């Protein structure tokens, strides 16, 4: 659905921000990672199945971005953590 292909948001972060980029296919998040690193953002890039297993682990990141991730690439348990 084209309507879900863009978003805008703001956040204020004290210290060095950390972002988790989940990618649907190998390399899908590489360009975003490069741009974020160019802005002094620490980036961890994982495949879609690499969603943190617990809310505590997810809280290690200021933001999570999904790049070309299909719903069937994320387990139901991971969907609950993200919710």
Protein backbone atom coordinates (compact mmCIF):
# COMPACT_ATOMS: atom_id res chain seq x y z
CA UNK A 1 0.00 0.00 0.00
CA UNK A 2 1.70 3.23 -1.08
CA UNK A 3 0.25 5.16 1.89
CA UNK A 4 2.46 3.25 4.34
CA UNK A 5 5.73 3.96 2.54
CA UNK A 6 6.57 7.18 4.36
CA UNK A 7 6.54 8.65 7.82
CA UNK A 8 7.70 11.76 9.63
CA UNK A 9 8.54 12.15 13.29
CA UNK A 10 10.58 14.01 15.86
CA UNK A 11 12.40 12.93 18.98
CA UNK A 12 14.84 14.53 21.39
CA UNK A 13 17.61 12.23 22.59
CA UNK A 14 20.24 12.99 25.19
CA UNK A 15 23.61 11.45 24.39
CA UNK A 16 24.48 9.41 21.34
CA UNK A 17 21.35 7.90 19.74
CA UNK A 18 21.16 4.21 18.91
CA UNK A 19 18.91 2.93 16.12
CA UNK A 20 18.01 -0.64 15.17
CA UNK A 21 17.41 -1.12 11.45
CA UNK A 22 15.57 -4.32 10.52
CA UNK A 23 15.75 -5.25 6.86
CA UNK A 24 13.53 -7.59 4.86
CA UNK A 25 16.28 -8.58 2.46
CA UNK A 26 20.03 -8.59 2.70
CA UNK A 27 21.32 -5.06 2.19
CA UNK A 28 17.89 -3.35 2.20
CA UNK A 29 18.90 -1.13 5.12
CA UNK A 30 22.46 -0.36 3.98
CA UNK A 31 21.73 3.09 2.56
CA UNK A 32 19.76 4.13 5.63
CA UNK A 33 22.55 2.86 7.86
CA UNK A 34 25.10 4.91 5.91
CA UNK A 35 23.01 8.08 6.18
CA UNK A 36 22.41 7.64 9.91
CA UNK A 37 26.08 6.95 10.61
CA UNK A 38 26.89 10.13 8.70
CA UNK A 39 24.82 11.97 11.32
CA UNK A 40 26.74 10.34 14.22
CA UNK A 41 23.99 7.84 14.99
CA UNK A 42 25.01 4.39 16.21
CA UNK A 43 23.27 1.85 14.00
CA UNK A 44 22.75 -1.86 14.36
CA UNK A 45 21.38 -3.57 11.25
CA UNK A 46 19.71 -6.98 11.43
CA UNK A 47 17.54 -9.18 9.27
CA UNK A 48 13.79 -9.00 10.02
CA UNK A 49 13.94 -12.15 12.15
CA UNK A 50 16.33 -10.30 14.48
CA UNK A 51 13.62 -8.39 16.35
CA UNK A 52 14.64 -8.12 20.01
CA UNK A 53 13.05 -10.96 21.99
CA UNK A 54 12.02 -8.83 24.97
CA UNK A 55 10.85 -5.31 25.66
CA UNK A 56 13.91 -4.80 27.86
CA UNK A 57 16.20 -5.54 24.90
CA UNK A 58 14.16 -3.27 22.63
CA UNK A 59 14.57 -0.41 25.10
CA UNK A 60 18.28 -0.33 24.27
CA UNK A 61 17.35 1.62 21.12
CA UNK A 62 15.93 5.10 20.70
CA UNK A 63 14.33 4.07 17.43
CA UNK A 64 13.57 1.02 15.32
CA UNK A 65 13.19 1.27 11.55
CA UNK A 66 11.91 -1.54 9.36
CA UNK A 67 13.04 -1.48 5.72
CA UNK A 68 11.06 -3.67 3.29
CA UNK A 69 9.96 -6.03 6.06
CA UNK A 70 6.90 -8.19 5.31
CA UNK A 71 4.61 -9.30 8.14
CA UNK A 72 5.44 -12.95 7.47
CA UNK A 73 9.13 -12.23 8.20
CA UNK A 74 8.37 -11.38 11.82
CA UNK A 75 7.11 -13.99 14.29
CA UNK A 76 3.86 -13.43 16.22
CA UNK A 77 5.88 -13.22 19.48
CA UNK A 78 8.10 -10.53 17.94
CA UNK A 79 5.04 -8.62 16.75
CA UNK A 80 3.83 -8.50 20.37
CA UNK A 81 7.19 -7.12 21.53
CA UNK A 82 7.02 -4.43 18.86
CA UNK A 83 3.45 -3.55 19.78
